[in-house]
Amino acid sequence: MLGALILIDIQEGFDDPFWGTRNNPDAEANAARLLTHWRAQNAPVFHIQHLSTTPDSPLNPDGGLVALKSMVSPREGETVMAKNVNSGFIGTDLEKMLRKHGVERITICGLTTPHCVSTTTRMAANLGFDVTLVHDACAAFTGNADSAWRDGPAPSAEDIHTAALDQLNGEFATVVPTDQVLA
């Protein structure tokens, strides 16, 4: 069984320079490929949308950039859940809806790898779901890393992305590329 696809925070606000440089410019295109596949299989799809409570965040509803990107925009009947914390499970009915659909396996992609993707992945595994995390349908930003707490250079967006995936693979998820999921 395919299970459910969860697309996390693939929103216009992440195009804002506020976030710094990013890795994986193909993340959204790969997420769109996954979404097309799930739709073709008539499998459950859940869109998660971050509505920040931080006033100057590009993801704050007052900033106007909270819309989901057009290449992954939801269709009628697909669930959209708004959140204002990192986890897609906190303050939403995500777990309840997954259980209602009898979902045991989930596939996750989205933005950003070390934050909302990581937190949602960890919670999904802790709740007992079998999680696949699609690494090339996720991305990270340099603006997310505050290395002021230590000596040394700031990590690159790719370093941040890879480190987050390394921490998730095995214990919380199986990390795979889009092509493997679609095969």
N, C-alpha and C. Protein backbone atom coordinates (compact mmCIF):
# COMPACT_ATOMS: atom_id res chain seq x y z
N MET A 1 0.84 -1.19 0.00
CA MET A 1 0.00 0.00 0.00
C MET A 1 0.87 1.24 0.00
N LEU A 2 0.48 2.23 -0.78
CA LEU A 2 1.24 3.46 -0.96
C LEU A 2 1.29 4.32 0.31
N GLY A 3 0.22 4.35 1.07
CA GLY A 3 0.18 5.21 2.25
C GLY A 3 -0.17 6.64 1.86
N ALA A 4 0.08 7.56 2.77
CA ALA A 4 -0.26 8.96 2.56
C ALA A 4 0.98 9.78 2.22
N LEU A 5 0.77 10.83 1.45
CA LEU A 5 1.82 11.81 1.15
C LEU A 5 1.54 13.05 1.97
N ILE A 6 2.57 13.53 2.66
CA ILE A 6 2.46 14.78 3.43
C ILE A 6 3.44 15.78 2.85
N LEU A 7 2.91 16.87 2.32
CA LEU A 7 3.72 17.96 1.76
C LEU A 7 3.76 19.08 2.80
N ILE A 8 4.96 19.39 3.25
CA ILE A 8 5.11 20.34 4.36
C ILE A 8 5.61 21.70 3.88
N ASP A 9 4.80 22.72 4.08
CA ASP A 9 5.20 24.13 3.96
C ASP A 9 5.84 24.50 2.62
N ILE A 10 5.35 23.96 1.53
CA ILE A 10 5.90 24.33 0.23
C ILE A 10 5.15 25.60 -0.20
N GLN A 11 5.64 26.72 0.33
CA GLN A 11 4.94 28.00 0.27
C GLN A 11 5.76 29.08 -0.42
N GLU A 12 5.05 30.06 -0.95
CA GLU A 12 5.68 31.19 -1.64
C GLU A 12 6.68 31.93 -0.77
N GLY A 13 6.43 31.99 0.52
CA GLY A 13 7.29 32.73 1.44
C GLY A 13 8.72 32.23 1.47
N PHE A 14 8.95 30.99 1.05
CA PHE A 14 10.31 30.46 1.04
C PHE A 14 11.13 30.94 -0.17
N ASP A 15 10.50 31.71 -1.04
CA ASP A 15 11.25 32.35 -2.13
C ASP A 15 11.86 33.68 -1.69
N ASP A 16 11.52 34.13 -0.50
CA ASP A 16 12.00 35.40 0.02
C ASP A 16 13.48 35.30 0.40
N PRO A 17 14.30 36.30 0.09
CA PRO A 17 15.72 36.28 0.45
C PRO A 17 15.98 36.25 1.95
N PHE A 18 14.97 36.48 2.75
CA PHE A 18 15.05 36.43 4.20
C PHE A 18 15.74 35.15 4.69
N TRP A 19 15.52 34.05 4.00
CA TRP A 19 16.01 32.74 4.44
C TRP A 19 17.47 32.48 4.12
N GLY A 20 18.08 33.29 3.27
CA GLY A 20 19.47 33.04 2.87
C GLY A 20 19.52 32.13 1.65
N THR A 21 20.69 31.60 1.37
CA THR A 21 20.81 30.72 0.21
C THR A 21 20.26 29.34 0.55
N ARG A 22 19.90 28.62 -0.48
CA ARG A 22 19.32 27.30 -0.27
C ARG A 22 20.02 26.26 -1.11
N ASN A 23 19.83 25.02 -0.74
CA ASN A 23 20.28 23.91 -1.57
C ASN A 23 19.09 23.42 -2.39
N ASN A 24 19.32 22.45 -3.20
CA ASN A 24 18.29 21.71 -3.92
C ASN A 24 17.18 22.56 -4.55
N PRO A 25 17.52 23.25 -5.63
CA PRO A 25 16.49 24.05 -6.31
C PRO A 25 15.39 23.20 -6.95
N ASP A 26 15.58 21.88 -7.02
CA ASP A 26 14.58 20.99 -7.63
C ASP A 26 13.60 20.40 -6.62
N ALA A 27 13.67 20.82 -5.37
CA ALA A 27 12.82 20.22 -4.33
C ALA A 27 11.34 20.31 -4.68
N GLU A 28 10.88 21.48 -5.08
CA GLU A 28 9.46 21.64 -5.38
C GLU A 28 9.05 20.82 -6.60
N ALA A 29 9.90 20.76 -7.60
CA ALA A 29 9.58 19.94 -8.79
C ALA A 29 9.48 18.46 -8.43
N ASN A 30 10.36 18.00 -7.56
CA ASN A 30 10.28 16.61 -7.11
C ASN A 30 9.05 16.36 -6.26
N ALA A 31 8.70 17.32 -5.42
CA ALA A 31 7.47 17.20 -4.63
C ALA A 31 6.25 17.14 -5.56
N ALA A 32 6.27 17.92 -6.63
CA ALA A 32 5.17 17.90 -7.60
C ALA A 32 5.08 16.54 -8.29
N ARG A 33 6.22 15.93 -8.58
CA ARG A 33 6.22 14.59 -9.18
C ARG A 33 5.60 13.58 -8.22
N LEU A 34 5.94 13.68 -6.95
CA LEU A 34 5.34 12.80 -5.95
C LEU A 34 3.83 13.01 -5.87
N LEU A 35 3.42 14.26 -5.85
CA LEU A 35 2.01 14.59 -5.75
C LEU A 35 1.24 14.03 -6.96
N THR A 36 1.79 14.16 -8.14
CA THR A 36 1.16 13.61 -9.34
C THR A 36 0.98 12.09 -9.21
N HIS A 37 2.00 11.43 -8.71
CA HIS A 37 1.94 9.97 -8.51
C HIS A 37 0.86 9.59 -7.50
N TRP A 38 0.81 10.29 -6.37
CA TRP A 38 -0.19 9.98 -5.35
C TRP A 38 -1.60 10.20 -5.90
N ARG A 39 -1.77 11.29 -6.64
CA ARG A 39 -3.08 11.56 -7.22
C ARG A 39 -3.49 10.48 -8.20
N ALA A 40 -2.54 10.01 -9.01
CA ALA A 40 -2.83 8.96 -9.99
C ALA A 40 -3.25 7.66 -9.30
N GLN A 41 -2.74 7.44 -8.11
CA GLN A 41 -3.08 6.23 -7.34
C GLN A 41 -4.30 6.45 -6.45
N ASN A 42 -4.85 7.65 -6.47
CA ASN A 42 -5.98 8.01 -5.61
C ASN A 42 -5.67 7.74 -4.13
N ALA A 43 -4.42 8.02 -3.76
CA ALA A 43 -3.96 7.82 -2.38
C ALA A 43 -4.10 9.12 -1.60
N PRO A 44 -4.18 9.04 -0.28
CA PRO A 44 -4.38 10.25 0.53
C PRO A 44 -3.21 11.23 0.47
N VAL A 45 -3.57 12.50 0.37
CA VAL A 45 -2.60 13.60 0.31
C VAL A 45 -2.97 14.63 1.36
N PHE A 46 -1.96 15.09 2.09
CA PHE A 46 -2.15 16.11 3.12
C PHE A 46 -1.16 17.25 2.88
N HIS A 47 -1.68 18.46 2.76
CA HIS A 47 -0.87 19.66 2.60
C HIS A 47 -0.79 20.35 3.95
N ILE A 48 0.42 20.67 4.38
CA ILE A 48 0.61 21.40 5.63
C ILE A 48 1.10 22.80 5.27
N GLN A 49 0.52 23.80 5.91
CA GLN A 49 0.83 25.20 5.63
C GLN A 49 1.23 25.89 6.92
N HIS A 50 2.41 26.52 6.91
CA HIS A 50 2.89 27.22 8.09
C HIS A 50 2.38 28.66 8.09
N LEU A 51 1.74 29.03 9.17
CA LEU A 51 1.28 30.41 9.37
C LEU A 51 2.02 30.94 10.59
N SER A 52 3.13 31.61 10.34
CA SER A 52 4.01 32.06 11.41
C SER A 52 3.35 33.13 12.27
N THR A 53 3.67 33.10 13.56
CA THR A 53 3.23 34.15 14.46
C THR A 53 4.32 35.20 14.66
N THR A 54 5.48 35.00 14.02
CA THR A 54 6.57 35.96 14.09
C THR A 54 6.26 37.11 13.13
N PRO A 55 6.18 38.34 13.63
CA PRO A 55 5.73 39.46 12.79
C PRO A 55 6.51 39.66 11.49
N ASP A 56 7.84 39.52 11.50
CA ASP A 56 8.62 39.82 10.30
C ASP A 56 8.89 38.59 9.43
N SER A 57 8.30 37.47 9.73
CA SER A 57 8.51 36.26 8.94
C SER A 57 7.76 36.36 7.61
N PRO A 58 8.40 35.93 6.50
CA PRO A 58 7.68 35.85 5.23
C PRO A 58 6.50 34.88 5.28
N LEU A 59 6.46 34.02 6.29
CA LEU A 59 5.36 33.07 6.42
C LEU A 59 4.28 33.55 7.39
N ASN A 60 4.36 34.81 7.80
CA ASN A 60 3.31 35.41 8.61
C ASN A 60 2.16 35.79 7.67
N PRO A 61 0.93 35.46 8.02
CA PRO A 61 -0.19 35.77 7.12
C PRO A 61 -0.28 37.24 6.73
N ASP A 62 0.20 38.16 7.56
CA ASP A 62 0.16 39.58 7.22
C ASP A 62 1.11 39.93 6.08
N GLY A 63 2.11 39.07 5.81
CA GLY A 63 3.07 39.33 4.76
C GLY A 63 2.61 38.93 3.37
N GLY A 64 1.56 38.15 3.27
CA GLY A 64 0.99 37.81 1.98
C GLY A 64 1.69 36.71 1.21
N LEU A 65 2.65 35.99 1.81
CA LEU A 65 3.40 34.96 1.08
C LEU A 65 3.15 33.56 1.63
N VAL A 66 2.00 33.34 2.23
CA VAL A 66 1.73 32.05 2.87
C VAL A 66 1.11 31.03 1.93
N ALA A 67 0.72 31.43 0.73
CA ALA A 67 0.07 30.50 -0.21
C ALA A 67 1.00 29.34 -0.54
N LEU A 68 0.40 28.17 -0.71
CA LEU A 68 1.15 27.01 -1.20
C LEU A 68 1.53 27.27 -2.65
N LYS A 69 2.72 26.84 -3.03
CA LYS A 69 3.20 27.08 -4.39
C LYS A 69 2.29 26.39 -5.40
N SER A 70 2.13 27.02 -6.55
CA SER A 70 1.16 26.54 -7.54
C SER A 70 1.46 25.12 -8.03
N MET A 71 2.72 24.74 -8.11
CA MET A 71 3.04 23.40 -8.63
C MET A 71 2.59 22.28 -7.70
N VAL A 72 2.28 22.61 -6.44
CA VAL A 72 1.78 21.62 -5.49
C VAL A 72 0.47 22.07 -4.85
N SER A 73 -0.22 22.98 -5.49
CA SER A 73 -1.44 23.49 -4.89
C SER A 73 -2.47 22.37 -4.74
N PRO A 74 -3.22 22.42 -3.66
CA PRO A 74 -4.19 21.36 -3.40
C PRO A 74 -5.36 21.39 -4.37
N ARG A 75 -5.86 20.20 -4.64
CA ARG A 75 -7.08 20.05 -5.42
C ARG A 75 -8.25 19.90 -4.46
N GLU A 76 -9.43 20.08 -5.00
CA GLU A 76 -10.63 19.88 -4.20
C GLU A 76 -10.61 18.47 -3.60
N GLY A 77 -10.89 18.40 -2.32
CA GLY A 77 -10.92 17.12 -1.63
C GLY A 77 -9.62 16.77 -0.92
N GLU A 78 -8.52 17.46 -1.25
CA GLU A 78 -7.26 17.23 -0.56
C GLU A 78 -7.23 18.09 0.71
N THR A 79 -6.75 17.50 1.77
CA THR A 79 -6.74 18.17 3.07
C THR A 79 -5.61 19.17 3.17
N VAL A 80 -5.92 20.37 3.64
CA VAL A 80 -4.93 21.40 3.95
C VAL A 80 -5.06 21.72 5.44
N MET A 81 -3.93 21.64 6.13
CA MET A 81 -3.93 21.93 7.56
C MET A 81 -2.93 23.04 7.85
N ALA A 82 -3.39 24.05 8.56
CA ALA A 82 -2.52 25.17 8.95
C ALA A 82 -1.94 24.89 10.33
N LYS A 83 -0.69 25.30 10.49
CA LYS A 83 0.00 25.16 11.77
C LYS A 83 0.82 26.42 12.01
N ASN A 84 1.24 26.63 13.25
CA ASN A 84 2.12 27.77 13.52
C ASN A 84 3.32 27.36 14.38
N VAL A 85 3.59 26.06 14.43
CA VAL A 85 4.78 25.51 15.08
C VAL A 85 5.46 24.58 14.07
N ASN A 86 6.59 24.00 14.45
CA ASN A 86 7.33 23.17 13.51
C ASN A 86 6.61 21.88 13.11
N SER A 87 5.96 21.22 14.03
CA SER A 87 5.36 19.92 13.76
C SER A 87 4.01 20.03 13.07
N GLY A 88 3.82 19.23 12.04
CA GLY A 88 2.53 19.15 11.37
C GLY A 88 1.48 18.47 12.22
N PHE A 89 1.88 17.88 13.34
CA PHE A 89 0.95 17.17 14.21
C PHE A 89 0.41 18.04 15.35
N ILE A 90 1.10 19.10 15.69
CA ILE A 90 0.69 19.93 16.84
C ILE A 90 -0.28 21.01 16.35
N GLY A 91 -1.43 21.05 16.99
CA GLY A 91 -2.44 22.05 16.65
C GLY A 91 -3.22 21.73 15.39
N THR A 92 -3.08 20.51 14.87
CA THR A 92 -3.82 20.08 13.68
C THR A 92 -4.50 18.74 13.97
N ASP A 93 -5.31 18.30 13.04
CA ASP A 93 -5.95 16.98 13.12
C ASP A 93 -5.21 15.96 12.28
N LEU A 94 -3.92 16.19 11.99
CA LEU A 94 -3.19 15.30 11.09
C LEU A 94 -3.20 13.85 11.57
N GLU A 95 -2.83 13.62 12.82
CA GLU A 95 -2.82 12.23 13.29
C GLU A 95 -4.22 11.61 13.21
N LYS A 96 -5.21 12.34 13.65
CA LYS A 96 -6.59 11.84 13.63
C LYS A 96 -7.02 11.48 12.20
N MET A 97 -6.67 12.34 11.24
CA MET A 97 -7.05 12.10 9.84
C MET A 97 -6.30 10.89 9.26
N LEU A 98 -5.02 10.76 9.59
CA LEU A 98 -4.26 9.60 9.11
C LEU A 98 -4.86 8.32 9.66
N ARG A 99 -5.17 8.31 10.94
CA ARG A 99 -5.77 7.12 11.56
C ARG A 99 -7.14 6.83 10.95
N LYS A 100 -7.92 7.87 10.70
CA LYS A 100 -9.26 7.72 10.10
C LYS A 100 -9.15 7.03 8.73
N HIS A 101 -8.11 7.36 7.98
CA HIS A 101 -7.89 6.76 6.66
C HIS A 101 -7.18 5.40 6.75
N GLY A 102 -6.86 4.96 7.96
CA GLY A 102 -6.17 3.68 8.12
C GLY A 102 -4.74 3.70 7.65
N VAL A 103 -4.14 4.87 7.63
CA VAL A 103 -2.77 5.04 7.13
C VAL A 103 -1.77 4.55 8.17
N GLU A 104 -0.85 3.71 7.75
CA GLU A 104 0.26 3.27 8.59
C GLU A 104 1.60 3.75 8.05
N ARG A 105 1.64 3.97 6.72
CA ARG A 105 2.87 4.42 6.06
C ARG A 105 2.66 5.82 5.53
N ILE A 106 3.66 6.68 5.76
CA ILE A 106 3.59 8.03 5.21
C ILE A 106 4.89 8.38 4.50
N THR A 107 4.76 9.20 3.49
CA THR A 107 5.90 9.74 2.77
C THR A 107 5.86 11.25 2.97
N ILE A 108 7.01 11.80 3.35
CA ILE A 108 7.11 13.22 3.68
C ILE A 108 8.08 13.93 2.75
N CYS A 109 7.72 15.16 2.35
CA CYS A 109 8.62 16.05 1.63
C CYS A 109 8.25 17.48 1.99
N GLY A 110 9.14 18.42 1.68
CA GLY A 110 8.80 19.81 1.91
C GLY A 110 9.94 20.67 2.41
N LEU A 111 9.56 21.77 3.06
CA LEU A 111 10.49 22.80 3.51
C LEU A 111 10.25 23.08 4.99
N THR A 112 11.27 23.30 5.72
CA THR A 112 12.68 23.10 5.47
C THR A 112 13.14 21.83 6.18
N THR A 113 14.18 21.22 5.62
CA THR A 113 14.63 19.93 6.12
C THR A 113 14.92 19.92 7.61
N PRO A 114 15.71 20.88 8.15
CA PRO A 114 16.06 20.78 9.57
C PRO A 114 14.99 21.27 10.54
N HIS A 115 13.92 21.82 10.02
CA HIS A 115 12.91 22.39 10.91
C HIS A 115 11.59 21.63 10.81
N CYS A 116 10.66 22.11 10.05
CA CYS A 116 9.33 21.51 10.03
C CYS A 116 9.33 20.10 9.45
N VAL A 117 10.15 19.83 8.45
CA VAL A 117 10.23 18.48 7.91
C VAL A 117 10.78 17.53 8.97
N SER A 118 11.88 17.91 9.60
CA SER A 118 12.49 17.07 10.63
C SER A 118 11.56 16.84 11.81
N THR A 119 10.94 17.89 12.30
CA THR A 119 10.08 17.77 13.47
C THR A 119 8.86 16.90 13.17
N THR A 120 8.26 17.09 12.02
CA THR A 120 7.10 16.28 11.64
C THR A 120 7.51 14.82 11.45
N THR A 121 8.67 14.59 10.84
CA THR A 121 9.17 13.23 10.63
C THR A 121 9.39 12.54 11.97
N ARG A 122 10.04 13.22 12.88
CA ARG A 122 10.31 12.63 14.20
C ARG A 122 9.01 12.29 14.93
N MET A 123 8.05 13.20 14.91
CA MET A 123 6.79 12.94 15.60
C MET A 123 6.02 11.82 14.93
N ALA A 124 6.04 11.76 13.61
CA ALA A 124 5.34 10.68 12.90
C ALA A 124 5.89 9.33 13.31
N ALA A 125 7.21 9.22 13.38
CA ALA A 125 7.83 7.95 13.81
C ALA A 125 7.48 7.65 15.26
N ASN A 126 7.52 8.65 16.12
CA ASN A 126 7.19 8.45 17.53
C ASN A 126 5.73 8.03 17.72
N LEU A 127 4.87 8.44 16.80
CA LEU A 127 3.45 8.05 16.85
C LEU A 127 3.21 6.67 16.23
N GLY A 128 4.27 6.06 15.72
CA GLY A 128 4.15 4.70 15.21
C GLY A 128 3.97 4.56 13.71
N PHE A 129 4.08 5.65 12.96
CA PHE A 129 3.96 5.55 11.51
C PHE A 129 5.29 5.09 10.90
N ASP A 130 5.21 4.37 9.81
CA ASP A 130 6.37 3.97 9.02
C ASP A 130 6.63 5.12 8.06
N VAL A 131 7.76 5.80 8.22
CA VAL A 131 8.00 7.06 7.51
C VAL A 131 9.08 6.91 6.44
N THR A 132 8.76 7.38 5.24
CA THR A 132 9.73 7.55 4.17
C THR A 132 9.92 9.05 3.99
N LEU A 133 11.15 9.49 3.98
CA LEU A 133 11.48 10.91 3.79
C LEU A 133 12.21 11.05 2.47
N VAL A 134 11.69 11.87 1.58
CA VAL A 134 12.23 12.00 0.23
C VAL A 134 13.20 13.18 0.20
N HIS A 135 14.50 12.85 0.25
CA HIS A 135 15.52 13.89 0.45
C HIS A 135 15.62 14.90 -0.66
N ASP A 136 15.39 14.51 -1.90
CA ASP A 136 15.52 15.48 -2.99
C ASP A 136 14.21 16.22 -3.28
N ALA A 137 13.22 16.03 -2.42
CA ALA A 137 11.99 16.81 -2.46
C ALA A 137 11.89 17.68 -1.20
N CYS A 138 13.06 17.94 -0.60
CA CYS A 138 13.19 18.81 0.58
C CYS A 138 14.36 19.76 0.32
N ALA A 139 14.43 20.82 1.09
CA ALA A 139 15.54 21.77 0.96
C ALA A 139 15.78 22.46 2.29
N ALA A 140 16.98 23.03 2.40
CA ALA A 140 17.39 23.77 3.59
C ALA A 140 17.97 25.12 3.15
N PHE A 141 18.08 26.02 4.11
CA PHE A 141 18.57 27.37 3.86
C PHE A 141 19.69 27.72 4.83
N THR A 142 20.59 28.58 4.39
CA THR A 142 21.67 29.02 5.28
C THR A 142 21.16 29.93 6.37
N GLY A 143 20.10 30.67 6.10
CA GLY A 143 19.55 31.57 7.10
C GLY A 143 18.98 30.85 8.30
N ASN A 144 18.76 29.54 8.17
CA ASN A 144 18.23 28.74 9.27
C ASN A 144 19.30 28.38 10.28
N ALA A 145 20.57 28.57 9.95
CA ALA A 145 21.66 28.13 10.83
C ALA A 145 22.28 29.33 11.53
N ASP A 146 22.23 29.32 12.82
CA ASP A 146 22.89 30.36 13.60
C ASP A 146 24.09 29.71 14.27
N SER A 147 25.26 29.89 13.65
CA SER A 147 26.47 29.27 14.17
C SER A 147 27.22 30.18 15.14
N ALA A 148 26.57 31.26 15.59
CA ALA A 148 27.22 32.19 16.50
C ALA A 148 27.56 31.55 17.85
N TRP A 149 26.98 30.45 18.17
CA TRP A 149 27.22 29.77 19.45
C TRP A 149 28.56 29.06 19.48
N ARG A 150 29.22 28.94 18.32
CA ARG A 150 30.47 28.17 18.26
C ARG A 150 31.47 28.86 17.35
N ASP A 151 32.73 28.44 17.46
CA ASP A 151 33.76 28.92 16.54
C ASP A 151 33.65 28.15 15.23
N GLY A 152 34.16 28.74 14.19
CA GLY A 152 34.19 28.06 12.91
C GLY A 152 33.21 28.66 11.92
N PRO A 153 33.32 28.22 10.68
CA PRO A 153 32.47 28.78 9.62
C PRO A 153 31.02 28.29 9.74
N ALA A 154 30.14 29.08 9.19
CA ALA A 154 28.73 28.68 9.13
C ALA A 154 28.60 27.54 8.11
N PRO A 155 27.73 26.58 8.38
CA PRO A 155 27.54 25.49 7.42
C PRO A 155 26.81 25.97 6.17
N SER A 156 27.03 25.28 5.09
CA SER A 156 26.30 25.58 3.85
C SER A 156 24.89 25.01 3.96
N ALA A 157 24.01 25.44 3.08
CA ALA A 157 22.66 24.89 3.04
C ALA A 157 22.70 23.39 2.80
N GLU A 158 23.60 22.93 1.96
CA GLU A 158 23.72 21.48 1.70
C GLU A 158 24.20 20.75 2.95
N ASP A 159 25.15 21.33 3.68
CA ASP A 159 25.60 20.72 4.93
C ASP A 159 24.46 20.61 5.95
N ILE A 160 23.66 21.64 6.05
CA ILE A 160 22.52 21.66 6.97
C ILE A 160 21.52 20.57 6.58
N HIS A 161 21.22 20.50 5.30
CA HIS A 161 20.28 19.51 4.75
C HIS A 161 20.78 18.09 5.04
N THR A 162 22.02 17.84 4.72
CA THR A 162 22.60 16.51 4.89
C THR A 162 22.66 16.11 6.36
N ALA A 163 23.06 17.03 7.22
CA ALA A 163 23.13 16.72 8.65
C ALA A 163 21.74 16.37 9.20
N ALA A 164 20.72 17.11 8.79
CA ALA A 164 19.36 16.80 9.26
C ALA A 164 18.93 15.42 8.79
N LEU A 165 19.21 15.10 7.53
CA LEU A 165 18.84 13.79 6.99
C LEU A 165 19.59 12.67 7.69
N ASP A 166 20.88 12.89 7.95
CA ASP A 166 21.69 11.89 8.65
C ASP A 166 21.07 11.55 10.01
N GLN A 167 20.55 12.56 10.71
CA GLN A 167 19.97 12.34 12.03
C GLN A 167 18.62 11.62 11.96
N LEU A 168 17.92 11.74 10.85
CA LEU A 168 16.60 11.13 10.71
C LEU A 168 16.66 9.71 10.17
N ASN A 169 17.60 9.46 9.27
CA ASN A 169 17.65 8.15 8.59
C ASN A 169 17.92 7.03 9.59
N GLY A 170 17.12 6.00 9.47
CA GLY A 170 17.31 4.81 10.30
C GLY A 170 16.44 4.81 11.53
N GLU A 171 16.54 5.83 12.36
CA GLU A 171 15.76 5.85 13.59
C GLU A 171 14.35 6.38 13.40
N PHE A 172 14.20 7.42 12.56
CA PHE A 172 12.90 8.05 12.39
C PHE A 172 12.29 7.82 11.01
N ALA A 173 13.11 7.54 10.02
CA ALA A 173 12.62 7.42 8.65
C ALA A 173 13.62 6.65 7.80
N THR A 174 13.14 6.25 6.65
CA THR A 174 14.01 5.75 5.60
C THR A 174 14.15 6.89 4.60
N VAL A 175 15.36 7.37 4.41
CA VAL A 175 15.60 8.51 3.52
C VAL A 175 15.94 7.99 2.13
N VAL A 176 15.17 8.43 1.13
CA VAL A 176 15.30 7.94 -0.25
C VAL A 176 15.11 9.11 -1.23
N PRO A 177 15.56 8.91 -2.50
CA PRO A 177 15.29 9.91 -3.54
C PRO A 177 13.91 9.72 -4.17
N THR A 178 13.45 10.74 -4.83
CA THR A 178 12.15 10.69 -5.51
C THR A 178 12.04 9.52 -6.47
N ASP A 179 13.07 9.31 -7.28
CA ASP A 179 13.00 8.23 -8.28
C ASP A 179 12.77 6.88 -7.64
N GLN A 180 13.31 6.65 -6.47
CA GLN A 180 13.11 5.36 -5.79
C GLN A 180 11.65 5.21 -5.34
N VAL A 181 11.06 6.28 -4.87
CA VAL A 181 9.67 6.24 -4.45
C VAL A 181 8.76 5.96 -5.64
N LEU A 182 9.08 6.58 -6.77
CA LEU A 182 8.22 6.46 -7.95
C LEU A 182 8.44 5.15 -8.72
N ALA A 183 9.52 4.44 -8.43
CA ALA A 183 9.83 3.20 -9.17
C ALA A 183 8.83 2.09 -8.84
